[in-house]
């Protein structure tokens, strides 16, 4: 019986949400947390074991016992957990930003879990487990992942867990199961799609539902307090833009089902202005992202265009945007 890589020392669980453990294998597993012990058996394949929601607190120890091993997870907190997902502006690292050095602040209460990436470009992998924010690793955090988490931690005074799952130049189709959009009547000819769909250097993750099947689904059904989604630059032809809101609404529905939380909150970051793509497709995606909060429940849109540079597709200024995202989440 094997636990998913999400479960390691230094991890954070979402307060007010069911605490779910899951993994794969055949046999029996016993898990103890905060004076409660639960067991489950599996005949093979996936298994889930659920504890009731808890209030913020910690540190806790979690003991797991199987026929093969006894394992103790230490320094575990109950706080808030956010999934940071999307494409390159979410992947954009602190070291790539223009964030002043004085804003690089290590904290025992900030924890990072990095899902694997197609290219293996992140410093940490899923097998490394949860990492405490330190002077040694801040530069390798997603800039928005770190800066938003820091703001939330400062405001709430609780542990914040950031789960990073992103891929630069990923198209929205890669983030949902195969044929998800055709099932709701969306079938855009490949000739009418953005070049990122077929560009050879991006084929490894845009050739099908790669990001969903290989990476995102491995996190399900871990409980989250929210999702921060920053994607859309790779879906900005006019044909794609006209259906982007419908695609994003379907993605949200699918993810909520996968994370077993029909009310899971989504914060959608509107793509910034970009001088080289000042066209109808780009502006229509921005409009779709602005309007989805009025058409899908528990969704908030955060505008970035007035805070970010427009002369490059990866604006290096992330601090002001992070503060706005955190404020939106808190409100």
Protein backbone atom coordinates (compact mmCIF):
# COMPACT_ATOMS: atom_id res chain seq x y z
CA UNK A 1 0.00 0.00 0.00
CA UNK A 2 1.64 3.18 -1.20
CA UNK A 3 0.73 6.75 -0.26
CA UNK A 4 0.58 9.35 -3.00
CA UNK A 5 3.68 11.60 -3.07
CA UNK A 6 1.52 14.45 -1.73
CA UNK A 7 1.74 12.90 1.73
CA UNK A 8 5.05 13.75 3.33
CA UNK A 9 6.49 15.50 6.35
CA UNK A 10 6.00 19.30 6.33
CA UNK A 11 2.74 19.05 4.40
CA UNK A 12 -0.33 21.25 4.84
CA UNK A 13 -3.96 20.13 4.83
CA UNK A 14 -6.88 22.43 4.05
CA UNK A 15 -8.89 23.47 7.11
CA UNK A 16 -12.64 23.08 6.99
CA UNK A 17 -12.38 20.41 4.28
CA UNK A 18 -12.36 16.59 4.45
CA UNK A 19 -8.84 15.31 5.04
CA UNK A 20 -8.28 12.67 2.39
CA UNK A 21 -5.40 10.24 2.14
CA UNK A 22 -5.04 8.23 -1.04
CA UNK A 23 -2.66 6.08 -2.98
CA UNK A 24 -2.34 2.76 -4.76
CA UNK A 25 -1.68 -0.84 -3.90
CA UNK A 26 -3.12 -4.00 -2.43
CA UNK A 27 -3.52 -4.68 1.28
CA UNK A 28 -4.45 -2.80 4.44
CA UNK A 29 -3.36 0.61 5.70
CA UNK A 30 -3.93 2.24 9.10
CA UNK A 31 -3.53 5.99 9.48
CA UNK A 32 -3.55 7.95 12.75
CA UNK A 33 -3.98 11.73 12.99
CA UNK A 34 -4.80 13.96 15.98
CA UNK A 35 -6.07 11.11 18.15
CA UNK A 36 -8.10 9.46 15.41
CA UNK A 37 -7.24 6.20 13.65
CA UNK A 38 -8.83 4.90 10.48
CA UNK A 39 -8.14 1.89 8.29
CA UNK A 40 -8.97 0.76 4.79
CA UNK A 41 -8.23 -2.22 2.60
CA UNK A 42 -7.71 -2.43 -1.15
CA UNK A 43 -7.72 -5.33 -3.56
CA UNK A 44 -5.47 -3.36 -5.87
CA UNK A 45 -5.53 -0.06 -7.71
CA UNK A 46 -6.47 3.20 -6.04
CA UNK A 47 -7.79 3.69 -2.51
CA UNK A 48 -9.03 6.66 -0.43
CA UNK A 49 -9.26 7.08 3.35
CA UNK A 50 -11.05 10.16 4.72
CA UNK A 51 -10.92 11.99 8.06
CA UNK A 52 -13.37 14.73 9.06
CA UNK A 53 -12.44 18.38 8.59
CA UNK A 54 -10.23 20.04 11.20
CA UNK A 55 -9.54 23.59 12.32
CA UNK A 56 -6.22 25.31 11.68
CA UNK A 57 -3.42 24.10 13.89
CA UNK A 58 -0.31 22.01 14.25
CA UNK A 59 2.28 20.76 14.11
CA UNK A 60 0.92 17.21 14.00
CA UNK A 61 2.44 13.82 13.39
CA UNK A 62 0.74 11.28 11.14
CA UNK A 63 1.46 7.59 11.58
CA UNK A 64 0.84 5.18 8.72
CA UNK A 65 1.06 1.42 9.21
CA UNK A 66 0.87 -1.27 6.52
CA UNK A 67 1.99 -4.89 6.37
CA UNK A 68 5.23 -3.66 4.84
CA UNK A 69 6.19 -0.54 6.79
CA UNK A 70 5.54 1.95 9.57
CA UNK A 71 5.99 5.58 8.49
CA UNK A 72 5.64 8.79 10.49
CA UNK A 73 5.03 12.14 8.80
CA UNK A 74 6.19 15.02 10.98
CA UNK A 75 5.65 18.80 11.19
CA UNK A 76 2.23 18.63 9.51
CA UNK A 77 -0.13 21.63 9.69
CA UNK A 78 -3.79 22.31 9.07
CA UNK A 79 -4.05 25.65 7.28
CA UNK A 80 -5.01 26.67 3.76
CA UNK A 81 -3.94 24.99 0.53
CA UNK A 82 -4.03 26.57 -2.92
CA UNK A 83 -3.33 25.03 -6.30
CA UNK A 84 -1.39 27.37 -8.61
CA UNK A 85 -1.89 26.23 -12.18
CA UNK A 86 -1.76 27.42 -15.77
CA UNK A 87 1.00 28.24 -18.22
CA UNK A 88 4.21 30.27 -18.29
CA UNK A 89 3.12 33.34 -16.33
CA UNK A 90 2.24 31.01 -13.45
CA UNK A 91 5.43 29.00 -13.93
CA UNK A 92 7.47 32.26 -13.96
CA UNK A 93 9.98 31.98 -11.11
CA UNK A 94 10.90 34.47 -8.40
CA UNK A 95 14.45 34.63 -9.77
CA UNK A 96 13.02 35.73 -13.14
CA UNK A 97 10.94 38.52 -11.63
CA UNK A 98 11.98 42.03 -10.63
CA UNK A 99 10.88 41.46 -7.04
CA UNK A 100 13.29 43.30 -4.68
CA UNK A 101 15.54 41.11 -2.55
CA UNK A 102 13.96 42.39 0.65
CA UNK A 103 10.73 40.64 -0.32
CA UNK A 104 12.43 37.24 -0.30
CA UNK A 105 11.34 36.23 3.19
CA UNK A 106 11.74 32.66 4.41
CA UNK A 107 8.94 31.26 6.55
CA UNK A 108 8.32 28.04 8.43
CA UNK A 109 4.61 28.54 7.73
CA UNK A 110 4.91 28.52 3.94
CA UNK A 111 5.13 25.10 2.31
CA UNK A 112 5.48 24.10 -1.36
CA UNK A 113 4.60 20.91 -3.18
CA UNK A 114 5.71 20.73 -6.81
CA UNK A 115 3.93 18.35 -9.15
CA UNK A 116 6.23 16.91 -11.79
CA UNK A 117 6.57 18.79 -15.08
CA UNK A 118 7.01 17.45 -18.59
CA UNK A 119 10.50 18.89 -18.94
CA UNK A 120 11.54 18.36 -15.33
CA UNK A 121 12.47 22.04 -15.19
CA UNK A 122 11.41 22.70 -11.59
CA UNK A 123 13.96 22.37 -8.83
CA UNK A 124 11.73 20.04 -6.81
CA UNK A 125 9.74 17.06 -8.02
CA UNK A 126 6.73 15.28 -6.56
CA UNK A 127 9.00 12.64 -5.04
CA UNK A 128 10.72 15.36 -2.99
CA UNK A 129 7.51 15.97 -1.04
CA UNK A 130 6.63 19.24 0.67
CA UNK A 131 9.34 21.86 1.06
CA UNK A 132 9.48 24.52 3.77
CA UNK A 133 10.10 27.99 2.35
CA UNK A 134 13.76 28.81 3.00
CA UNK A 135 16.37 31.32 1.86
CA UNK A 136 17.81 28.51 -0.23
CA UNK A 137 14.68 27.80 -2.29
CA UNK A 138 12.55 30.97 -2.54
CA UNK A 139 14.11 31.92 -5.87
CA UNK A 140 12.83 28.67 -7.40
CA UNK A 141 9.20 29.14 -6.34
CA UNK A 142 6.62 30.31 -8.83
CA UNK A 143 6.69 34.08 -8.29
CA UNK A 144 2.89 34.29 -7.96
CA UNK A 145 2.77 31.08 -5.92
CA UNK A 146 5.23 32.48 -3.40
CA UNK A 147 4.03 36.09 -3.29
CA UNK A 148 0.33 35.19 -3.01
CA UNK A 149 1.06 32.59 -0.33
CA UNK A 150 3.15 35.06 1.62
CA UNK A 151 0.35 37.64 1.56
CA UNK A 152 -2.21 35.07 2.70
CA UNK A 153 0.05 33.86 5.49
CA UNK A 154 0.69 37.41 6.68
CA UNK A 155 -3.01 38.26 6.66
CA UNK A 156 -4.37 35.05 8.18
CA UNK A 157 -1.52 34.00 10.47
CA UNK A 158 -1.84 30.33 9.47
CA UNK A 159 0.16 27.81 7.50
CA UNK A 160 -0.24 28.13 3.74
CA UNK A 161 0.43 25.25 1.39
CA UNK A 162 1.12 26.03 -2.28
CA UNK A 163 0.75 23.23 -4.82
CA UNK A 164 2.47 24.04 -8.11
CA UNK A 165 1.13 22.35 -11.25
CA UNK A 166 1.82 24.28 -14.45
CA UNK A 167 3.45 24.13 -17.84
CA UNK A 168 4.55 26.97 -20.05
CA UNK A 169 2.79 27.17 -23.44
CA UNK A 170 0.15 24.66 -22.36
CA UNK A 171 -3.20 24.93 -24.12
CA UNK A 172 -6.43 24.60 -22.18
CA UNK A 173 -7.31 21.29 -23.89
CA UNK A 174 -4.30 19.68 -22.24
CA UNK A 175 -5.81 20.36 -18.80
CA UNK A 176 -9.00 18.31 -19.23
CA UNK A 177 -9.73 14.68 -20.17
CA UNK A 178 -9.71 13.72 -23.83
CA UNK A 179 -12.72 14.90 -25.86
CA UNK A 180 -14.07 17.01 -22.98
CA UNK A 181 -14.73 19.98 -25.24
CA UNK A 182 -16.10 18.04 -28.18
CA UNK A 183 -18.66 16.56 -25.79
CA UNK A 184 -20.03 20.06 -25.18
CA UNK A 185 -20.09 20.88 -28.89
CA UNK A 186 -16.69 22.57 -29.30
CA UNK A 187 -14.62 21.21 -32.18
CA UNK A 188 -12.26 23.82 -33.66
CA UNK A 189 -10.26 22.79 -36.76
CA UNK A 190 -6.56 22.61 -36.04
CA UNK A 191 -5.88 25.23 -38.72
CA UNK A 192 -7.88 27.73 -36.65
CA UNK A 193 -5.95 27.09 -33.42
CA UNK A 194 -2.93 28.89 -32.00
CA UNK A 195 0.45 27.64 -33.20
CA UNK A 196 1.28 26.37 -29.68
CA UNK A 197 -1.11 23.46 -30.28
CA UNK A 198 1.15 22.00 -32.96
CA UNK A 199 4.57 23.61 -32.42
CA UNK A 200 7.13 20.80 -32.18
CA UNK A 201 8.81 22.08 -29.01
CA UNK A 202 5.46 22.04 -27.17
CA UNK A 203 4.10 18.80 -28.59
CA UNK A 204 5.10 16.77 -25.52
CA UNK A 205 2.37 18.41 -23.46
CA UNK A 206 -0.10 19.68 -26.06
CA UNK A 207 -0.58 16.44 -28.00
CA UNK A 208 -3.57 15.43 -25.90
CA UNK A 209 -4.77 15.56 -22.28
CA UNK A 210 -1.20 15.32 -21.01
CA UNK A 211 -1.32 17.90 -18.23
CA UNK A 212 -4.57 16.48 -16.88
CA UNK A 213 -3.77 12.79 -17.07
CA UNK A 214 -0.08 12.78 -16.13
CA UNK A 215 0.03 15.57 -13.57
CA UNK A 216 -3.17 17.23 -12.40
CA UNK A 217 -5.16 14.04 -11.86
CA UNK A 218 -2.41 12.68 -9.59
CA UNK A 219 -3.37 15.41 -7.09
CA UNK A 220 -7.02 14.39 -6.96
CA UNK A 221 -8.96 14.22 -4.68
CA UNK A 222 -6.76 16.18 -2.25
CA UNK A 223 -8.80 18.90 -0.53
CA UNK A 224 -8.03 22.48 -1.54
CA UNK A 225 -9.15 25.88 -0.29
CA UNK A 226 -8.90 27.26 -3.80
CA UNK A 227 -7.38 27.21 -7.28
CA UNK A 228 -5.49 30.11 -8.86
CA UNK A 229 -5.60 29.75 -12.67
CA UNK A 230 -3.43 31.82 -15.05
CA UNK A 231 -3.70 30.56 -18.62
CA UNK A 232 -5.01 31.65 -21.99
CA UNK A 233 -2.12 33.11 -23.99
CA UNK A 234 -1.91 29.89 -26.04
CA UNK A 235 -5.62 29.92 -26.97
CA UNK A 236 -5.92 33.37 -28.53
CA UNK A 237 -6.95 32.83 -32.12
CA UNK A 238 -10.36 34.34 -32.81
CA UNK A 239 -12.00 30.89 -33.12
CA UNK A 240 -10.56 29.73 -29.78
CA UNK A 241 -11.27 33.00 -28.00
CA UNK A 242 -14.96 32.89 -28.90
CA UNK A 243 -15.38 29.61 -26.97
CA UNK A 244 -12.75 30.13 -24.26
CA UNK A 245 -15.29 30.99 -21.55
CA UNK A 246 -17.24 27.79 -22.29
CA UNK A 247 -14.03 25.76 -22.18
CA UNK A 248 -12.94 27.32 -18.91
CA UNK A 249 -16.37 26.71 -17.38
CA UNK A 250 -16.13 23.06 -18.37
CA UNK A 251 -12.59 22.81 -16.94
CA UNK A 252 -13.86 24.21 -13.64
CA UNK A 253 -16.72 21.70 -13.57
CA UNK A 254 -14.36 18.78 -14.28
CA UNK A 255 -11.79 19.88 -11.71
CA UNK A 256 -14.45 20.36 -9.03
CA UNK A 257 -15.65 16.84 -9.65
CA UNK A 258 -12.11 15.46 -9.54
CA UNK A 259 -11.29 17.23 -6.28
CA UNK A 260 -14.67 16.13 -4.86
CA UNK A 261 -15.66 19.71 -4.05
CA UNK A 262 -18.57 21.16 -6.02
CA UNK A 263 -17.99 24.56 -4.41
CA UNK A 264 -14.22 24.73 -4.92
CA UNK A 265 -13.26 28.37 -5.38
CA UNK A 266 -11.42 29.48 -8.51
CA UNK A 267 -9.47 32.69 -8.94
CA UNK A 268 -8.98 33.37 -12.65
CA UNK A 269 -6.20 35.78 -13.58
CA UNK A 270 -6.98 37.72 -16.73
CA UNK A 271 -4.05 37.60 -19.15
CA UNK A 272 -2.16 40.89 -19.29
CA UNK A 273 -2.04 43.19 -22.29
CA UNK A 274 0.70 42.35 -24.78
CA UNK A 275 1.64 44.93 -27.40
CA UNK A 276 2.53 42.33 -30.04
CA UNK A 277 -0.88 40.67 -29.71
CA UNK A 278 -3.16 43.68 -29.56
CA UNK A 279 -5.80 41.87 -31.61
CA UNK A 280 -9.36 40.57 -31.46
CA UNK A 281 -8.43 37.07 -30.29
CA UNK A 282 -6.35 38.33 -27.35
CA UNK A 283 -8.99 40.84 -26.27
CA UNK A 284 -11.78 38.26 -26.59
CA UNK A 285 -9.96 35.88 -24.24
CA UNK A 286 -9.56 38.76 -21.77
CA UNK A 287 -13.28 39.46 -22.06
CA UNK A 288 -14.13 35.80 -21.47
CA UNK A 289 -11.95 35.74 -18.36
CA UNK A 290 -13.57 38.92 -17.07
CA UNK A 291 -17.09 37.62 -17.60
CA UNK A 292 -16.78 34.07 -16.28
CA UNK A 293 -17.15 35.26 -12.69
CA UNK A 294 -20.70 36.38 -13.48
CA UNK A 295 -21.65 33.09 -15.14
CA UNK A 296 -20.01 30.44 -12.94
CA UNK A 297 -20.47 30.38 -9.16
CA UNK A 298 -17.53 30.74 -6.77
CA UNK A 299 -15.28 32.22 -9.43
CA UNK A 300 -13.46 35.53 -9.14
CA UNK A 301 -11.53 37.27 -11.89
CA UNK A 302 -8.41 39.27 -11.11
CA UNK A 303 -7.46 41.94 -13.65
CA UNK A 304 -3.74 42.27 -14.38
CA UNK A 305 -3.60 44.65 -17.34
CA UNK A 306 -3.21 47.83 -15.25
CA UNK A 307 -0.41 46.36 -13.12
CA UNK A 308 1.83 44.59 -15.62
CA UNK A 309 4.23 45.57 -18.38
CA UNK A 310 2.73 45.19 -21.86
CA UNK A 311 5.94 45.06 -23.88
CA UNK A 312 6.61 41.40 -23.07
CA UNK A 313 4.46 38.31 -22.76
CA UNK A 314 5.98 37.50 -19.36
CA UNK A 315 5.65 40.67 -17.27
CA UNK A 316 8.41 40.64 -14.61
CA UNK A 317 6.37 42.68 -12.13
CA UNK A 318 4.43 40.16 -10.05
CA UNK A 319 4.24 41.72 -6.58
CA UNK A 320 1.34 44.10 -7.22
CA UNK A 321 -0.60 41.38 -9.00
CA UNK A 322 0.04 38.92 -6.16
CA UNK A 323 -1.31 41.41 -3.63
CA UNK A 324 -4.45 41.82 -5.73
CA UNK A 325 -4.91 38.07 -6.02
CA UNK A 326 -4.50 37.58 -2.27
CA UNK A 327 -6.94 40.39 -1.56
CA UNK A 328 -9.49 38.79 -3.89
CA UNK A 329 -9.13 35.44 -2.14
CA UNK A 330 -9.47 36.97 1.33
CA UNK A 331 -12.54 38.98 0.38
